[in-house]
Structures are given as C-alpha cells and as structure tokens.
Amino acid sequence: MPQGITHDNKDVLLKVLSQNYKSKSFEALGLKLPKIKEVLPTQLPSVSATEVRADNIFLLEDGRILIVDYESKVKESNFIKYLGYIHGVLKQYHKQDKEKHDITMAVVYTGDIKTAPAKLDIGSVQLTVEQVFLSNFDANDLYGKLSVKIEAGEPLADDDIIKFIFLPLTESRPTKKQGLIEKTIDLAKKVPDDEIQLFIIAGILVATDKFIDRGYSNMVKEWIRLTKVARLFEEEKIEAVNETANRVSKEIKTTLAKEMLADGEDIVKIMKYSKLTKKEILNIQSELKLPVAN
C-alpha cells in the first residue's frame, strides 16, 4: 500500500484547498496569525526525497510564510525536519521573487499530546516553533456543536470550518483516531454547500495523512474524484467549449435551458445541450424562481 497521499492526489487536493483556504486563519485553533493569502506548494526541491514533505505551507496576508506540520509524537528529530522545510522555503522563494519572507513554523499536536518543547538550541542555530495542542479541545463537544449546526441547516462560519478539518486530530486515544476520522467525514458529507463540503473533506485528508488508514483514505479520495472533483473539472471543460460555441441562437438556447430546468435536469447536462454557460443558466433559473439545479 503506498504511503501518504500520492503526487496526483496531492495536486487535486491542493487545487481544492487553494480555492478555499484564502482569507481564513488558524485563530480558531489559538494561533494569533494573519489570514491566509495563498496556499503554496509543499514540494520543496531542497528537501530530501526520503523526507516527508511539510503538511501545509501558506503565504499570509502580512507577507510571511507559515509552515504547518501535524504530529502525534514528540521527537527532537522533528526539529531537524522543520529546519529542512525552512531551508527549502528560503531557497525556493528567494530564487523565485528575490524577496525576504519571514517564516513561522507551527506544529499542531494531536489530542494525545499535552506538552512538547517549543525550541531547539544548537549553538549558532535556534529554532522556535508555534504550537497548537488539540488536547485543549473536547472532541465530543466539538463534534456535537458542528452536528447541531448542520442538522439545523445553519451556515458554518470560517472558525467552524477550520475546527471541522482538525476535529479528527483532537482524539486523545490513538486507537480511536481512525473512528473519529470516519465519523467526521460522514458528518462533512451532510454539509449542504458542495464547495465547503469538498474543502472540509480535502482538508481532513491532508491533516490526517500521517494517521489515516490507507485503504479508507484511498476510498475517500476516489469518492471525491468521482462525485466532486470530476464534476468541477467537467463543468470547467464544458464551460470553456460553450463560451466559444455559437451554433444556435440565444433564444433557442434559452428556451431549451428553461425546458430542461423545468424538468429538473442536472446543470451539467443543461450546459452540455444548451451551449449556455453555468452563469447564464443560473440567471435563467433565478428569473423563473426554480429550485437550485444539481
């Protein structure tokens, strides 16, 4: 069984996370840092191929770079790994834009870790990391509050979404982590907003990559690919073709779209046959006061 998320699946998840992490922050976890401006690639050319890549790298709104790693064990050797990440980031982004970026290294510890050293001092080099101890959160309380909101149809705030992603890591019993991962993803599938639902599940997969059962992880990634990501890519592909298509008149296109909307047809199918863009179809749908198409 392959270890960790594969390169192709990392690309898919990065696309999803890049679209949704913007303007959010980790303040919900206790990190007093600026909001995220951009999600950066985690593949660093100077990091050894045998070394696990950083879990997340973000560009913050104040220009600094935030590196985040998730840990379930306290080891001094982790600091050597973090120094490798920092060196890779310095080399990568100095080469690209020649700008000086302050770097913050943050470590998020799973619920079974209550304390850990925050500093490495080896003489000429000192490294201090920001820390989040998810043991400070009550897994059952957090799950209950999110479940109540979803069942009541209430929208999730940005803080709720961030806590949702990290909920599986709050479990203090190592043998129970997988069960909470599965329970949390099942709850996330009930989130009515497709984009937020996909973001939460993709975020959970990245955050739990070191701990999740590989078979289950692959099953969820396949579910994403078939039911969500493939659909998004299909919409983009059809929309690109439709924007240049001019084979039928606007009136005929609109009439066809109205009829298909009235019949409750899927929006991807309507885009395909009417040659209208998704935005145009949604405008027609709004004018007719019809329910939202799938």
Protein backbone atom coordinates (compact mmCIF):
# COMPACT_ATOMS: atom_id res chain seq x y z
CA MET A 1 0.00 0.00 0.00
CA PRO A 2 1.52 3.38 -0.95
CA GLN A 3 2.47 5.55 1.99
CA GLY A 4 0.93 9.02 2.18
CA ILE A 5 -1.11 10.92 -0.36
CA THR A 6 0.18 10.31 -3.90
CA HIS A 7 1.54 13.18 -6.04
CA ASP A 8 -1.52 13.24 -8.32
CA ASN A 9 -3.95 13.25 -5.41
CA LYS A 10 -1.86 15.97 -3.71
CA ASP A 11 -2.37 18.09 -6.85
CA VAL A 12 -6.14 17.53 -6.73
CA LEU A 13 -6.34 18.33 -3.03
CA LEU A 14 -4.08 21.39 -3.46
CA LYS A 15 -6.48 22.73 -6.09
CA VAL A 16 -9.41 22.35 -3.70
CA LEU A 17 -7.56 23.79 -0.70
CA SER A 18 -6.12 26.70 -2.70
CA GLN A 19 -9.60 27.85 -3.64
CA ASN A 20 -10.95 27.75 -0.09
CA TYR A 21 -8.19 28.48 2.45
CA LYS A 22 -7.87 32.09 1.26
CA SER A 23 -8.93 34.71 3.84
CA LYS A 24 -9.23 32.07 6.58
CA SER A 25 -6.94 31.84 9.59
CA PHE A 26 -5.82 29.41 12.28
CA GLU A 27 -7.02 31.71 15.05
CA ALA A 28 -9.79 29.18 15.71
CA LEU A 29 -7.03 26.84 16.93
CA GLY A 30 -5.33 29.51 19.03
CA LEU A 31 -2.67 30.70 16.56
CA LYS A 32 -2.70 34.52 16.53
CA LEU A 33 -1.57 34.96 12.93
CA PRO A 34 -2.82 36.98 9.94
CA LYS A 35 -5.29 35.47 7.49
CA ILE A 36 -4.11 33.21 4.69
CA LYS A 37 -3.48 34.93 1.37
CA GLU A 38 -2.40 31.92 -0.68
CA VAL A 39 -1.73 28.18 -0.37
CA LEU A 40 1.81 27.35 -1.51
CA PRO A 41 3.11 24.04 -2.92
CA THR A 42 4.59 21.71 -0.32
CA GLN A 43 7.07 20.06 -2.70
CA LEU A 44 10.42 21.69 -1.86
CA PRO A 45 13.37 20.84 -4.15
CA SER A 46 15.97 21.02 -1.38
CA VAL A 47 14.15 18.59 0.94
CA SER A 48 15.46 15.03 0.68
CA ALA A 49 13.29 12.64 -1.30
CA THR A 50 13.27 10.32 1.70
CA GLU A 51 11.91 13.04 3.99
CA VAL A 52 8.20 13.65 4.37
CA ARG A 53 7.15 16.99 2.86
CA ALA A 54 5.55 19.67 5.03
CA ASP A 55 1.84 19.14 5.51
CA ASN A 56 0.83 22.71 4.62
CA ILE A 57 2.62 25.87 3.51
CA PHE A 58 0.76 29.19 3.35
CA LEU A 59 1.52 32.77 2.34
CA LEU A 60 -0.10 35.04 4.92
CA GLU A 61 -1.58 38.47 4.32
CA ASP A 62 1.36 40.22 6.02
CA GLY A 63 3.84 38.58 3.62
CA ARG A 64 5.25 35.94 5.94
CA ILE A 65 5.22 32.23 5.11
CA LEU A 66 3.56 29.79 7.51
CA ILE A 67 4.71 26.15 7.52
CA VAL A 68 2.35 23.77 9.35
CA ASP A 69 3.10 20.18 10.34
CA TYR A 70 0.84 17.77 12.24
CA GLU A 71 2.42 15.49 14.81
CA SER A 72 1.28 12.64 17.07
CA LYS A 73 4.70 12.06 18.64
CA VAL A 74 7.18 14.33 20.41
CA LYS A 75 10.67 13.79 18.96
CA GLU A 76 13.73 16.04 18.93
CA SER A 77 14.46 14.81 15.41
CA ASN A 78 11.30 16.59 14.25
CA PHE A 79 13.16 19.88 14.67
CA ILE A 80 15.75 18.72 12.15
CA LYS A 81 12.90 18.02 9.75
CA TYR A 82 11.48 21.52 10.35
CA LEU A 83 14.90 23.07 9.65
CA GLY A 84 14.84 21.21 6.34
CA TYR A 85 11.45 22.71 5.49
CA ILE A 86 12.63 26.22 6.37
CA HIS A 87 15.78 25.84 4.28
CA GLY A 88 13.70 24.59 1.35
CA VAL A 89 11.28 27.50 1.62
CA LEU A 90 14.10 30.06 1.84
CA LYS A 91 15.81 28.59 -1.20
CA GLN A 92 12.61 28.20 -3.24
CA TYR A 93 11.07 31.62 -2.73
CA HIS A 94 14.28 33.67 -2.68
CA LYS A 95 15.05 32.13 -6.06
CA GLN A 96 11.56 32.93 -7.38
CA ASP A 97 10.92 36.50 -6.23
CA LYS A 98 14.15 37.63 -4.53
CA GLU A 99 12.05 38.92 -1.61
CA LYS A 100 12.79 38.32 2.04
CA HIS A 101 9.96 36.38 3.70
CA ASP A 102 9.73 35.95 7.46
CA ILE A 103 8.89 32.33 8.23
CA THR A 104 6.73 30.94 11.01
CA MET A 105 6.92 27.21 11.78
CA ALA A 106 3.80 25.88 13.51
CA VAL A 107 3.26 22.38 14.89
CA VAL A 108 -0.24 21.05 15.52
CA TYR A 109 -0.20 18.18 18.02
CA THR A 110 -2.92 15.54 18.16
CA GLY A 111 -5.17 15.22 21.20
CA ASP A 112 -2.94 12.68 22.96
CA ILE A 113 -0.06 15.20 23.28
CA LYS A 114 -0.29 17.74 26.09
CA THR A 115 3.22 19.25 26.19
CA ALA A 116 6.25 19.45 23.90
CA PRO A 117 9.44 21.53 23.67
CA ALA A 118 8.97 24.65 21.57
CA LYS A 119 12.63 25.44 20.96
CA LEU A 120 15.77 23.83 19.57
CA ASP A 121 19.07 25.46 20.51
CA ILE A 122 22.21 24.01 18.97
CA GLY A 123 24.50 26.98 19.40
CA SER A 124 24.63 29.00 16.20
CA VAL A 125 21.14 27.88 15.23
CA GLN A 126 17.98 28.35 17.31
CA LEU A 127 14.52 27.38 16.14
CA THR A 128 11.32 28.29 17.97
CA VAL A 129 8.02 26.87 16.79
CA GLU A 130 4.45 27.98 17.38
CA GLN A 131 2.41 25.19 18.96
CA VAL A 132 -1.21 24.07 18.93
CA PHE A 133 -2.26 21.35 21.37
CA LEU A 134 -5.54 19.90 20.21
CA SER A 135 -5.80 18.26 23.64
CA ASN A 136 -7.26 21.64 24.68
CA PHE A 137 -10.35 20.85 22.60
CA ASP A 138 -13.08 18.40 23.61
CA ALA A 139 -13.68 16.10 20.63
CA ASN A 140 -17.23 15.14 21.66
CA ASP A 141 -18.24 18.74 22.39
CA LEU A 142 -16.81 19.98 19.09
CA TYR A 143 -18.46 17.20 17.09
CA GLY A 144 -21.80 17.82 18.85
CA LYS A 145 -21.79 21.55 18.12
CA LEU A 146 -20.96 21.03 14.44
CA SER A 147 -23.58 18.29 14.14
CA VAL A 148 -26.29 20.53 15.65
CA LYS A 149 -25.45 23.32 13.19
CA ILE A 150 -25.56 21.00 10.19
CA GLU A 151 -28.79 19.29 11.22
CA ALA A 152 -30.38 22.73 11.78
CA GLY A 153 -29.27 23.89 8.33
CA GLU A 154 -27.19 26.74 9.79
CA PRO A 155 -24.26 28.05 7.71
CA LEU A 156 -20.80 27.21 9.00
CA ALA A 157 -18.58 30.16 9.98
CA ASP A 158 -14.89 30.15 8.97
CA ASP A 159 -13.92 29.15 12.53
CA ASP A 160 -16.35 26.21 12.34
CA ILE A 161 -14.78 25.04 9.09
CA ILE A 162 -11.23 25.16 10.47
CA LYS A 163 -12.30 23.27 13.62
CA PHE A 164 -14.16 20.75 11.41
CA ILE A 165 -10.95 20.00 9.49
CA PHE A 166 -8.94 19.46 12.67
CA LEU A 167 -11.65 17.66 14.64
CA PRO A 168 -10.27 14.13 13.94
CA LEU A 169 -6.91 15.13 15.43
CA THR A 170 -8.47 16.12 18.78
CA GLU A 171 -8.99 12.47 19.73
CA SER A 172 -6.76 11.67 22.71
CA ARG A 173 -6.84 7.89 22.27
CA PRO A 174 -4.62 6.71 19.37
CA THR A 175 -6.77 3.60 18.82
CA LYS A 176 -9.86 5.80 18.36
CA LYS A 177 -8.38 8.27 15.82
CA GLN A 178 -9.49 6.31 12.73
CA GLY A 179 -13.03 6.02 14.05
CA LEU A 180 -13.27 9.78 14.58
CA ILE A 181 -11.82 10.44 11.11
CA GLU A 182 -14.56 8.31 9.53
CA LYS A 183 -17.28 9.78 11.75
CA THR A 184 -16.16 13.34 10.92
CA ILE A 185 -16.03 12.72 7.15
CA ASP A 186 -19.51 11.16 7.31
CA LEU A 187 -20.73 14.33 9.04
CA ALA A 188 -18.95 16.52 6.47
CA LYS A 189 -20.84 14.76 3.67
CA LYS A 190 -24.03 16.23 5.14
CA VAL A 191 -22.82 19.82 4.64
CA PRO A 192 -25.24 21.19 2.01
CA ASP A 193 -22.78 23.55 0.31
CA ASP A 194 -20.80 21.37 -2.13
CA GLU A 195 -17.75 23.64 -2.19
CA ILE A 196 -17.45 23.84 1.61
CA GLN A 197 -18.14 20.10 1.90
CA LEU A 198 -15.32 19.31 -0.52
CA PHE A 199 -12.95 21.74 1.22
CA ILE A 200 -13.57 20.18 4.65
CA ILE A 201 -13.05 16.62 3.41
CA ALA A 202 -9.91 17.53 1.43
CA GLY A 203 -8.58 19.40 4.47
CA ILE A 204 -9.21 16.38 6.72
CA LEU A 205 -7.34 14.09 4.31
CA VAL A 206 -4.28 16.36 4.34
CA ALA A 207 -4.37 16.99 8.11
CA THR A 208 -4.69 13.27 8.93
CA ASP A 209 -2.37 11.94 6.21
CA LYS A 210 0.14 10.59 8.76
CA PHE A 211 -2.50 8.76 10.78
CA ILE A 212 -5.34 7.72 8.46
CA ASP A 213 -5.93 4.14 7.33
CA ARG A 214 -4.59 3.95 3.76
CA GLY A 215 -7.44 1.86 2.40
CA TYR A 216 -10.05 4.24 3.80
CA SER A 217 -8.06 7.28 2.58
CA ASN A 218 -7.93 5.92 -0.96
CA MET A 219 -11.66 5.18 -0.87
CA VAL A 220 -12.47 8.77 0.15
CA LYS A 221 -10.13 10.20 -2.49
CA GLU A 222 -11.88 8.07 -5.11
CA TRP A 223 -15.26 9.33 -3.84
CA ILE A 224 -14.01 12.90 -4.22
CA ARG A 225 -12.69 12.22 -7.70
CA LEU A 226 -15.90 10.61 -8.94
CA THR A 227 -18.56 12.70 -7.23
CA LYS A 228 -16.98 16.11 -6.71
CA VAL A 229 -13.66 16.93 -8.37
CA ALA A 230 -14.55 15.25 -11.66
CA ARG A 231 -17.77 17.24 -11.71
CA LEU A 232 -15.93 20.53 -11.17
CA PHE A 233 -13.48 19.75 -13.95
CA GLU A 234 -16.31 18.66 -16.23
CA GLU A 235 -18.12 21.96 -15.64
CA GLU A 236 -14.94 23.90 -16.42
CA LYS A 237 -14.33 21.91 -19.60
CA ILE A 238 -17.88 22.28 -20.88
CA GLU A 239 -17.99 25.97 -19.99
CA ALA A 240 -14.79 26.65 -21.92
CA VAL A 241 -16.26 24.98 -25.01
CA ASN A 242 -19.64 26.69 -24.62
CA GLU A 243 -18.15 30.17 -24.40
CA THR A 244 -16.89 29.82 -27.98
CA ALA A 245 -19.87 27.90 -29.34
CA ASN A 246 -22.27 29.90 -31.48
CA ARG A 247 -24.24 27.32 -33.40
CA VAL A 248 -27.71 28.11 -32.18
CA SER A 249 -29.42 31.39 -31.43
CA LYS A 250 -29.66 32.79 -27.91
CA GLU A 251 -33.44 32.44 -27.98
CA ILE A 252 -33.31 28.74 -28.81
CA LYS A 253 -30.62 28.15 -26.19
CA THR A 254 -32.66 29.95 -23.54
CA THR A 255 -35.86 28.09 -24.43
CA LEU A 256 -34.08 24.75 -24.26
CA ALA A 257 -32.49 25.64 -20.92
CA LYS A 258 -35.86 26.70 -19.49
CA GLU A 259 -37.46 23.42 -20.54
CA MET A 260 -34.63 21.36 -19.09
CA LEU A 261 -34.65 23.36 -15.85
CA ALA A 262 -38.41 22.85 -15.56
CA ASP A 263 -37.83 19.11 -16.00
CA GLY A 264 -35.27 19.17 -13.18
CA GLU A 265 -32.33 18.20 -15.34
CA ASP A 266 -28.78 18.29 -13.97
CA ILE A 267 -26.98 21.61 -14.61
CA VAL A 268 -24.01 19.90 -16.30
CA LYS A 269 -26.40 18.24 -18.75
CA ILE A 270 -28.14 21.57 -19.42
CA MET A 271 -24.75 23.23 -20.10
CA LYS A 272 -23.87 20.44 -22.50
CA TYR A 273 -27.04 20.59 -24.60
CA SER A 274 -27.98 24.27 -24.42
CA LYS A 275 -24.43 25.55 -25.01
CA LEU A 276 -25.02 28.16 -22.30
CA THR A 277 -22.52 28.92 -19.54
CA LYS A 278 -23.26 27.94 -15.97
CA LYS A 279 -23.73 31.61 -15.04
CA GLU A 280 -26.32 32.12 -17.81
CA ILE A 281 -28.27 29.04 -16.72
CA LEU A 282 -28.28 30.14 -13.09
CA ASN A 283 -29.58 33.58 -14.16
CA ILE A 284 -32.46 31.94 -16.09
CA GLN A 285 -33.14 29.71 -13.11
CA SER A 286 -33.32 32.75 -10.84
CA GLU A 287 -35.70 34.56 -13.18
CA LEU A 288 -38.01 31.53 -13.27
CA LYS A 289 -37.76 31.17 -9.47
CA LEU A 290 -36.94 27.48 -9.82
CA PRO A 291 -35.11 25.35 -7.20
CA VAL A 292 -31.32 25.22 -7.50
CA ALA A 293 -30.20 22.68 -10.09
CA ASN A 294 -27.70 19.99 -9.13
